[in-house]
Amino acid sequence: MVGCNTVPNQGKIIEEATQVGEKYFIDEYSTEVKFTEHKFMPKDLSHNISLSGHVKANKDTEIKILIDYDTFRIQNAIVPKELLNKRQN
């Protein structure tokens, strides 16, 4: 029996969200990142997945991004100050 808060196709969602998140940091900050953790928000509250990790060139520089897994649109990103100066927009 599947719990009411279980998200179907989690593996596929994680894979696609990871690609979207990596592309976001490359496009917006010219920075490659590595996501090391993921967390699905409670399904009854939102359809978001949180990805956290670090900048590839510096494991001490942590990043986090929140993505809607229905649309794969970025909801929010936590970006360290050193990356803000690299913003492309």
PDB file of N, CA and C in Angstrom:
ATOM      1  N   MET A   1       0.834  -1.190   0.000  1.00  0.00           N
ATOM      2  CA  MET A   1       0.000   0.000   0.000  1.00  0.00           C
ATOM      3  C   MET A   1       0.870   1.242   0.000  1.00  0.00           C
ATOM      4  N   VAL A   2       0.549   2.184  -0.832  1.00  0.00           N
ATOM      5  CA  VAL A   2       1.299   3.417  -0.953  1.00  0.00           C
ATOM      6  C   VAL A   2       0.682   4.457  -0.025  1.00  0.00           C
ATOM      7  N   GLY A   3       1.537   5.140   0.753  1.00  0.00           N
ATOM      8  CA  GLY A   3       1.043   6.171   1.650  1.00  0.00           C
ATOM      9  C   GLY A   3       0.498   7.360   0.882  1.00  0.00           C
ATOM     10  N   CYS A   4      -0.386   8.114   1.509  1.00  0.00           N
ATOM     11  CA  CYS A   4      -1.029   9.238   0.822  1.00  0.00           C
ATOM     12  C   CYS A   4      -0.045  10.371   0.542  1.00  0.00           C
ATOM     13  N   ASN A   5       1.113  10.357   1.203  1.00  0.00           N
ATOM     14  CA  ASN A   5       2.079  11.419   0.991  1.00  0.00           C
ATOM     15  C   ASN A   5       3.236  10.979   0.097  1.00  0.00           C
ATOM     16  N   THR A   6       3.138   9.794  -0.484  1.00  0.00           N
ATOM     17  CA  THR A   6       4.188   9.301  -1.352  1.00  0.00           C
ATOM     18  C   THR A   6       4.028   9.900  -2.747  1.00  0.00           C
ATOM     19  N   VAL A   7       5.130  10.380  -3.271  1.00  0.00           N
ATOM     20  CA  VAL A   7       5.130  10.973  -4.608  1.00  0.00           C
ATOM     21  C   VAL A   7       5.484   9.879  -5.610  1.00  0.00           C
ATOM     22  N   PRO A   8       4.618   9.647  -6.610  1.00  0.00           N
ATOM     23  CA  PRO A   8       4.944   8.632  -7.616  1.00  0.00           C
ATOM     24  C   PRO A   8       6.103   9.087  -8.507  1.00  0.00           C
ATOM     25  N   ASN A   9       6.823   8.134  -9.057  1.00  0.00           N
ATOM     26  CA  ASN A   9       7.934   8.406  -9.978  1.00  0.00           C
ATOM     27  C   ASN A   9       9.022   9.278  -9.351  1.00  0.00           C
ATOM     28  N   GLN A  10       9.346   9.045  -8.093  1.00  0.00           N
ATOM     29  CA  GLN A  10      10.334   9.880  -7.411  1.00  0.00           C
ATOM     30  C   GLN A  10      11.684   9.903  -8.116  1.00  0.00           C
ATOM     31  N   GLY A  11      12.137   8.751  -8.586  1.00  0.00           N
ATOM     32  CA  GLY A  11      13.440   8.691  -9.257  1.00  0.00           C
ATOM     33  C   GLY A  11      13.489   9.593 -10.480  1.00  0.00           C
ATOM     34  N   LYS A  12      12.446   9.547 -11.279  1.00  0.00           N
ATOM     35  CA  LYS A  12      12.370  10.374 -12.481  1.00  0.00           C
ATOM     36  C   LYS A  12      12.311  11.855 -12.107  1.00  0.00           C
ATOM     37  N   ILE A  13      11.547  12.188 -11.069  1.00  0.00           N
ATOM     38  CA  ILE A  13      11.432  13.585 -10.630  1.00  0.00           C
ATOM     39  C   ILE A  13      12.782  14.085 -10.132  1.00  0.00           C
ATOM     40  N   ILE A  14      13.469  13.283  -9.328  1.00  0.00           N
ATOM     41  CA  ILE A  14      14.784  13.688  -8.813  1.00  0.00           C
ATOM     42  C   ILE A  14      15.751  13.939  -9.962  1.00  0.00           C
ATOM     43  N   GLU A  15      15.750  13.043 -10.944  1.00  0.00           N
ATOM     44  CA  GLU A  15      16.646  13.168 -12.100  1.00  0.00           C
ATOM     45  C   GLU A  15      16.362  14.456 -12.875  1.00  0.00           C
ATOM     46  N   GLU A  16      15.097  14.710 -13.182  1.00  0.00           N
ATOM     47  CA  GLU A  16      14.748  15.901 -13.958  1.00  0.00           C
ATOM     48  C   GLU A  16      14.988  17.180 -13.158  1.00  0.00           C
ATOM     49  N   ALA A  17      14.625  17.174 -11.870  1.00  0.00           N
ATOM     50  CA  ALA A  17      14.845  18.348 -11.026  1.00  0.00           C
ATOM     51  C   ALA A  17      16.338  18.655 -10.909  1.00  0.00           C
ATOM     52  N   THR A  18      17.158  17.623 -10.813  1.00  0.00           N
ATOM     53  CA  THR A  18      18.608  17.812 -10.739  1.00  0.00           C
ATOM     54  C   THR A  18      19.117  18.493 -12.004  1.00  0.00           C
ATOM     55  N   GLN A  19      18.654  18.053 -13.160  1.00  0.00           N
ATOM     56  CA  GLN A  19      19.067  18.669 -14.421  1.00  0.00           C
ATOM     57  C   GLN A  19      18.620  20.129 -14.484  1.00  0.00           C
ATOM     58  N   VAL A  20      17.391  20.410 -14.072  1.00  0.00           N
ATOM     59  CA  VAL A  20      16.873  21.776 -14.071  1.00  0.00           C
ATOM     60  C   VAL A  20      17.699  22.654 -13.122  1.00  0.00           C
ATOM     61  N   GLY A  21      17.991  22.134 -11.934  1.00  0.00           N
ATOM     62  CA  GLY A  21      18.771  22.887 -10.951  1.00  0.00           C
ATOM     63  C   GLY A  21      20.187  23.167 -11.426  1.00  0.00           C
ATOM     64  N   GLU A  22      20.830  22.162 -12.000  1.00  0.00           N
ATOM     65  CA  GLU A  22      22.188  22.358 -12.513  1.00  0.00           C
ATOM     66  C   GLU A  22      22.198  23.402 -13.621  1.00  0.00           C
ATOM     67  N   LYS A  23      21.234  23.330 -14.524  1.00  0.00           N
ATOM     68  CA  LYS A  23      21.136  24.302 -15.623  1.00  0.00           C
ATOM     69  C   LYS A  23      20.895  25.711 -15.076  1.00  0.00           C
ATOM     70  N   TYR A  24      20.060  25.835 -14.055  1.00  0.00           N
ATOM     71  CA  TYR A  24      19.782  27.140 -13.446  1.00  0.00           C
ATOM     72  C   TYR A  24      21.078  27.789 -12.942  1.00  0.00           C
ATOM     73  N   PHE A  25      21.887  27.045 -12.205  1.00  0.00           N
ATOM     74  CA  PHE A  25      23.119  27.625 -11.663  1.00  0.00           C
ATOM     75  C   PHE A  25      24.138  27.942 -12.754  1.00  0.00           C
ATOM     76  N   ILE A  26      24.156  27.156 -13.814  1.00  0.00           N
ATOM     77  CA  ILE A  26      25.055  27.468 -14.937  1.00  0.00           C
ATOM     78  C   ILE A  26      24.558  28.712 -15.667  1.00  0.00           C
ATOM     79  N   ASP A  27      23.262  28.764 -15.975  1.00  0.00           N
ATOM     80  CA  ASP A  27      22.702  29.891 -16.725  1.00  0.00           C
ATOM     81  C   ASP A  27      22.737  31.190 -15.930  1.00  0.00           C
ATOM     82  N   GLU A  28      22.392  31.132 -14.653  1.00  0.00           N
ATOM     83  CA  GLU A  28      22.266  32.343 -13.845  1.00  0.00           C
ATOM     84  C   GLU A  28      23.576  32.803 -13.215  1.00  0.00           C
ATOM     85  N   TYR A  29      24.460  31.856 -12.880  1.00  0.00           N
ATOM     86  CA  TYR A  29      25.664  32.199 -12.119  1.00  0.00           C
ATOM     87  C   TYR A  29      26.956  31.665 -12.735  1.00  0.00           C
ATOM     88  N   SER A  30      26.879  31.057 -13.915  1.00  0.00           N
ATOM     89  CA  SER A  30      28.050  30.465 -14.571  1.00  0.00           C
ATOM     90  C   SER A  30      28.815  29.555 -13.613  1.00  0.00           C
ATOM     91  N   THR A  31      28.068  28.759 -12.856  1.00  0.00           N
ATOM     92  CA  THR A  31      28.668  27.920 -11.818  1.00  0.00           C
ATOM     93  C   THR A  31      28.107  26.507 -11.889  1.00  0.00           C
ATOM     94  N   GLU A  32      29.014  25.529 -11.857  1.00  0.00           N
ATOM     95  CA  GLU A  32      28.595  24.136 -11.819  1.00  0.00           C
ATOM     96  C   GLU A  32      28.394  23.722 -10.375  1.00  0.00           C
ATOM     97  N   VAL A  33      27.298  23.008 -10.129  1.00  0.00           N
ATOM     98  CA  VAL A  33      26.978  22.565  -8.775  1.00  0.00           C
ATOM     99  C   VAL A  33      26.785  21.056  -8.753  1.00  0.00           C
ATOM    100  N   LYS A  34      26.859  20.504  -7.549  1.00  0.00           N
ATOM    101  CA  LYS A  34      26.589  19.082  -7.351  1.00  0.00           C
ATOM    102  C   LYS A  34      25.557  18.975  -6.237  1.00  0.00           C
ATOM    103  N   PHE A  35      24.420  18.373  -6.561  1.00  0.00           N
ATOM    104  CA  PHE A  35      23.388  18.167  -5.562  1.00  0.00           C
ATOM    105  C   PHE A  35      23.664  16.847  -4.853  1.00  0.00           C
ATOM    106  N   THR A  36      23.625  16.886  -3.535  1.00  0.00           N
ATOM    107  CA  THR A  36      23.947  15.697  -2.740  1.00  0.00           C
ATOM    108  C   THR A  36      22.760  15.193  -1.929  1.00  0.00           C
ATOM    109  N   GLU A  37      21.732  16.025  -1.772  1.00  0.00           N
ATOM    110  CA  GLU A  37      20.555  15.619  -1.004  1.00  0.00           C
ATOM    111  C   GLU A  37      19.293  16.138  -1.671  1.00  0.00           C
ATOM    112  N   HIS A  38      18.207  15.436  -1.426  1.00  0.00           N
ATOM    113  CA  HIS A  38      16.903  15.898  -1.922  1.00  0.00           C
ATOM    114  C   HIS A  38      15.855  15.623  -0.853  1.00  0.00           C
ATOM    115  N   LYS A  39      14.799  16.408  -0.898  1.00  0.00           N
ATOM    116  CA  LYS A  39      13.697  16.219   0.048  1.00  0.00           C
ATOM    117  C   LYS A  39      12.406  16.653  -0.632  1.00  0.00           C
ATOM    118  N   PHE A  40      11.430  15.769  -0.613  1.00  0.00           N
ATOM    119  CA  PHE A  40      10.111  16.113  -1.137  1.00  0.00           C
ATOM    120  C   PHE A  40       9.328  16.807  -0.030  1.00  0.00           C
ATOM    121  N   MET A  41       8.740  17.944  -0.357  1.00  0.00           N
ATOM    122  CA  MET A  41       7.887  18.637   0.592  1.00  0.00           C
ATOM    123  C   MET A  41       6.594  17.822   0.753  1.00  0.00           C
ATOM    124  N   PRO A  42       5.897  17.940   1.891  1.00  0.00           N
ATOM    125  CA  PRO A  42       4.644  17.198   2.057  1.00  0.00           C
ATOM    126  C   PRO A  42       3.686  17.470   0.889  1.00  0.00           C
ATOM    127  N   LYS A  43       3.232  16.402   0.266  1.00  0.00           N
ATOM    128  CA  LYS A  43       2.422  16.495  -0.949  1.00  0.00           C
ATOM    129  C   LYS A  43       1.139  17.288  -0.753  1.00  0.00           C
ATOM    130  N   ASP A  44       0.581  17.247   0.459  1.00  0.00           N
ATOM    131  CA  ASP A  44      -0.658  17.981   0.696  1.00  0.00           C
ATOM    132  C   ASP A  44      -0.416  19.484   0.865  1.00  0.00           C
ATOM    133  N   LEU A  45       0.848  19.901   1.040  1.00  0.00           N
ATOM    134  CA  LEU A  45       1.173  21.322   1.172  1.00  0.00           C
ATOM    135  C   LEU A  45       1.665  21.934  -0.139  1.00  0.00           C
ATOM    136  N   SER A  46       2.505  21.197  -0.849  1.00  0.00           N
ATOM    137  CA  SER A  46       3.041  21.699  -2.122  1.00  0.00           C
ATOM    138  C   SER A  46       3.590  20.531  -2.923  1.00  0.00           C
ATOM    139  N   HIS A  47       3.832  20.780  -4.159  1.00  0.00           N
ATOM    140  CA  HIS A  47       4.446  19.776  -5.032  1.00  0.00           C
ATOM    141  C   HIS A  47       5.862  20.222  -5.360  1.00  0.00           C
ATOM    142  N   ASN A  48       6.657  20.413  -4.317  1.00  0.00           N
ATOM    143  CA  ASN A  48       8.018  20.890  -4.475  1.00  0.00           C
ATOM    144  C   ASN A  48       9.021  19.859  -3.991  1.00  0.00           C
ATOM    145  N   ILE A  49      10.190  19.907  -4.617  1.00  0.00           N
ATOM    146  CA  ILE A  49      11.329  19.117  -4.187  1.00  0.00           C
ATOM    147  C   ILE A  49      12.453  20.106  -3.888  1.00  0.00           C
ATOM    148  N   SER A  50      13.115  19.885  -2.770  1.00  0.00           N
ATOM    149  CA  SER A  50      14.250  20.705  -2.375  1.00  0.00           C
ATOM    150  C   SER A  50      15.521  19.919  -2.675  1.00  0.00           C
ATOM    151  N   LEU A  51      16.442  20.553  -3.379  1.00  0.00           N
ATOM    152  CA  LEU A  51      17.742  19.946  -3.658  1.00  0.00           C
ATOM    153  C   LEU A  51      18.807  20.780  -2.973  1.00  0.00           C
ATOM    154  N   SER A  52      19.738  20.123  -2.306  1.00  0.00           N
ATOM    155  CA  SER A  52      20.834  20.851  -1.678  1.00  0.00           C
ATOM    156  C   SER A  52      22.142  20.181  -2.039  1.00  0.00           C
ATOM    157  N   GLY A  53      23.189  20.980  -2.006  1.00  0.00           N
ATOM    158  CA  GLY A  53      24.503  20.472  -2.364  1.00  0.00           C
ATOM    159  C   GLY A  53      25.529  21.574  -2.235  1.00  0.00           C
ATOM    160  N   HIS A  54      26.467  21.579  -3.191  1.00  0.00           N
ATOM    161  CA  HIS A  54      27.553  22.550  -3.123  1.00  0.00           C
ATOM    162  C   HIS A  54      28.061  22.898  -4.518  1.00  0.00           C
ATOM    163  N   VAL A  55      28.831  23.966  -4.574  1.00  0.00           N
ATOM    164  CA  VAL A  55      29.501  24.350  -5.807  1.00  0.00           C
ATOM    165  C   VAL A  55      30.584  23.308  -6.072  1.00  0.00           C
ATOM    166  N   LYS A  56      30.697  22.841  -7.308  1.00  0.00           N
ATOM    167  CA  LYS A  56      31.673  21.784  -7.627  1.00  0.00           C
ATOM    168  C   LYS A  56      33.098  22.202  -7.302  1.00  0.00           C
ATOM    169  N   ALA A  57      33.426  23.465  -7.552  1.00  0.00           N
ATOM    170  CA  ALA A  57      34.792  23.940  -7.346  1.00  0.00           C
ATOM    171  C   ALA A  57      35.110  24.200  -5.871  1.00  0.00           C
ATOM    172  N   ASN A  58      34.085  24.221  -5.010  1.00  0.00           N
ATOM    173  CA  ASN A  58      34.304  24.524  -3.600  1.00  0.00           C
ATOM    174  C   ASN A  58      33.226  23.836  -2.765  1.00  0.00           C
ATOM    175  N   LYS A  59      33.562  22.710  -2.173  1.00  0.00           N
ATOM    176  CA  LYS A  59      32.582  21.931  -1.409  1.00  0.00           C
ATOM    177  C   LYS A  59      32.045  22.684  -0.188  1.00  0.00           C
ATOM    178  N   ASP A  60      32.742  23.731   0.241  1.00  0.00           N
ATOM    179  CA  ASP A  60      32.288  24.512   1.394  1.00  0.00           C
ATOM    180  C   ASP A  60      31.212  25.529   1.024  1.00  0.00           C
ATOM    181  N   THR A  61      31.016  25.768  -0.273  1.00  0.00           N
ATOM    182  CA  THR A  61      30.008  26.728  -0.717  1.00  0.00           C
ATOM    183  C   THR A  61      28.709  25.987  -0.983  1.00  0.00           C
ATOM    184  N   GLU A  62      27.801  26.057  -0.016  1.00  0.00           N
ATOM    185  CA  GLU A  62      26.554  25.309  -0.083  1.00  0.00           C
ATOM    186  C   GLU A  62      25.493  26.075  -0.875  1.00  0.00           C
ATOM    187  N   ILE A  63      24.666  25.306  -1.566  1.00  0.00           N
ATOM    188  CA  ILE A  63      23.556  25.869  -2.340  1.00  0.00           C
ATOM    189  C   ILE A  63      22.307  25.037  -2.084  1.00  0.00           C
ATOM    190  N   LYS A  64      21.158  25.652  -2.348  1.00  0.00           N
ATOM    191  CA  LYS A  64      19.886  24.945  -2.197  1.00  0.00           C
ATOM    192  C   LYS A  64      18.908  25.533  -3.206  1.00  0.00           C
ATOM    193  N   ILE A  65      18.041  24.677  -3.722  1.00  0.00           N
ATOM    194  CA  ILE A  65      17.055  25.139  -4.690  1.00  0.00           C
ATOM    195  C   ILE A  65      15.739  24.397  -4.458  1.00  0.00           C
ATOM    196  N   LEU A  66      14.640  25.095  -4.673  1.00  0.00           N
ATOM    197  CA  LEU A  66      13.305  24.526  -4.522  1.00  0.00           C
ATOM    198  C   LEU A  66      12.635  24.535  -5.891  1.00  0.00           C
ATOM    199  N   ILE A  67      12.182  23.376  -6.324  1.00  0.00           N
ATOM    200  CA  ILE A  67      11.613  23.220  -7.670  1.00  0.00           C
ATOM    201  C   ILE A  67      10.232  22.587  -7.572  1.00  0.00           C
ATOM    202  N   ASP A  68       9.275  23.148  -8.308  1.00  0.00           N
ATOM    203  CA  ASP A  68       7.933  22.559  -8.422  1.00  0.00           C
ATOM    204  C   ASP A  68       8.056  21.350  -9.348  1.00  0.00           C
ATOM    205  N   TYR A  69       7.733  20.163  -8.848  1.00  0.00           N
ATOM    206  CA  TYR A  69       7.940  18.968  -9.672  1.00  0.00           C
ATOM    207  C   TYR A  69       6.794  18.674 -10.629  1.00  0.00           C
ATOM    208  N   ASP A  70       5.767  19.509 -10.638  1.00  0.00           N
ATOM    209  CA  ASP A  70       4.733  19.377 -11.669  1.00  0.00           C
ATOM    210  C   ASP A  70       5.148  20.141 -12.930  1.00  0.00           C
ATOM    211  N   THR A  71       5.759  21.310 -12.730  1.00  0.00           N
ATOM    212  CA  THR A  71       6.136  22.173 -13.856  1.00  0.00           C
ATOM    213  C   THR A  71       7.642  22.272 -14.057  1.00  0.00           C
ATOM    214  N   PHE A  72       8.417  21.840 -13.070  1.00  0.00           N
ATOM    215  CA  PHE A  72       9.880  21.958 -13.043  1.00  0.00           C
ATOM    216  C   PHE A  72      10.330  23.414 -13.175  1.00  0.00           C
ATOM    217  N   ARG A  73       9.556  24.304 -12.540  1.00  0.00           N
ATOM    218  CA  ARG A  73       9.923  25.709 -12.455  1.00  0.00           C
ATOM    219  C   ARG A  73      10.601  25.952 -11.109  1.00  0.00           C
ATOM    220  N   ILE A  74      11.584  26.826 -11.134  1.00  0.00           N
ATOM    221  CA  ILE A  74      12.307  27.188  -9.921  1.00  0.00           C
ATOM    222  C   ILE A  74      11.386  28.025  -9.036  1.00  0.00           C
ATOM    223  N   GLN A  75      11.241  27.622  -7.787  1.00  0.00           N
ATOM    224  CA  GLN A  75      10.430  28.369  -6.832  1.00  0.00           C
ATOM    225  C   GLN A  75      11.298  29.322  -6.012  1.00  0.00           C
ATOM    226  N   ASN A  76      12.504  28.854  -5.659  1.00  0.00           N
ATOM    227  CA  ASN A  76      13.382  29.638  -4.810  1.00  0.00           C
ATOM    228  C   ASN A  76      14.775  29.023  -4.877  1.00  0.00           C
ATOM    229  N   ALA A  77      15.781  29.858  -4.685  1.00  0.00           N
ATOM    230  CA  ALA A  77      17.158  29.360  -4.624  1.00  0.00           C
ATOM    231  C   ALA A  77      17.889  30.110  -3.523  1.00  0.00           C
ATOM    232  N   ILE A  78      18.644  29.366  -2.741  1.00  0.00           N
ATOM    233  CA  ILE A  78      19.492  29.972  -1.719  1.00  0.00           C
ATOM    234  C   ILE A  78      20.902  29.961  -2.276  1.00  0.00           C
ATOM    235  N   VAL A  79      21.404  31.176  -2.494  1.00  0.00           N
ATOM    236  CA  VAL A  79      22.678  31.354  -3.186  1.00  0.00           C
ATOM    237  C   VAL A  79      23.637  32.116  -2.276  1.00  0.00           C
ATOM    238  N   PRO A  80      24.854  31.618  -2.078  1.00  0.00           N
ATOM    239  CA  PRO A  80      25.817  32.340  -1.248  1.00  0.00           C
ATOM    240  C   PRO A  80      26.249  33.654  -1.887  1.00  0.00           C
ATOM    241  N   LYS A  81      26.693  34.592  -1.048  1.00  0.00           N
ATOM    242  CA  LYS A  81      27.076  35.930  -1.520  1.00  0.00           C
ATOM    243  C   LYS A  81      28.106  35.883  -2.636  1.00  0.00           C
ATOM    244  N   GLU A  82      29.077  34.980  -2.546  1.00  0.00           N
ATOM    245  CA  GLU A  82      30.136  34.945  -3.562  1.00  0.00           C
ATOM    246  C   GLU A  82      29.597  34.621  -4.954  1.00  0.00           C
ATOM    247  N   LEU A  83      28.432  33.977  -5.038  1.00  0.00           N
ATOM    248  CA  LEU A  83      27.837  33.705  -6.346  1.00  0.00           C
ATOM    249  C   LEU A  83      26.981  34.858  -6.842  1.00  0.00           C
ATOM    250  N   LEU A  84      26.451  35.658  -5.936  1.00  0.00           N
ATOM    251  CA  LEU A  84      25.583  36.770  -6.347  1.00  0.00           C
ATOM    252  C   LEU A  84      26.303  37.726  -7.289  1.00  0.00           C
ATOM    253  N   ASN A  85      27.598  37.893  -7.094  1.00  0.00           N
ATOM    254  CA  ASN A  85      28.377  38.787  -7.967  1.00  0.00           C
ATOM    255  C   ASN A  85      28.511  38.234  -9.376  1.00  0.00           C
ATOM    256  N   LYS A  86      28.288  36.922  -9.542  1.00  0.00           N
ATOM    257  CA  LYS A  86      28.411  36.283 -10.843  1.00  0.00           C
ATOM    258  C   LYS A  86      27.078  36.245 -11.596  1.00  0.00           C
ATOM    259  N   ARG A  87      26.032  36.792 -10.993  1.00  0.00           N
ATOM    260  CA  ARG A  87      24.677  36.724 -11.604  1.00  0.00           C
ATOM    261  C   ARG A  87      24.708  37.279 -13.008  1.00  0.00           C
ATOM    262  N   GLN A  88      24.099  36.553 -13.924  1.00  0.00           N
ATOM    263  CA  GLN A  88      24.118  36.918 -15.338  1.00  0.00           C
ATOM    264  C   GLN A  88      23.073  37.967 -15.703  1.00  0.00           C
ATOM    265  N   ASN A  89      22.001  38.082 -14.935  1.00  0.00           N
ATOM    266  CA  ASN A  89      20.914  39.005 -15.306  1.00  0.00           C
ATOM    267  C   ASN A  89      21.139  40.360 -14.729  1.00  0.00           C
TER     268      ASN A  89
END
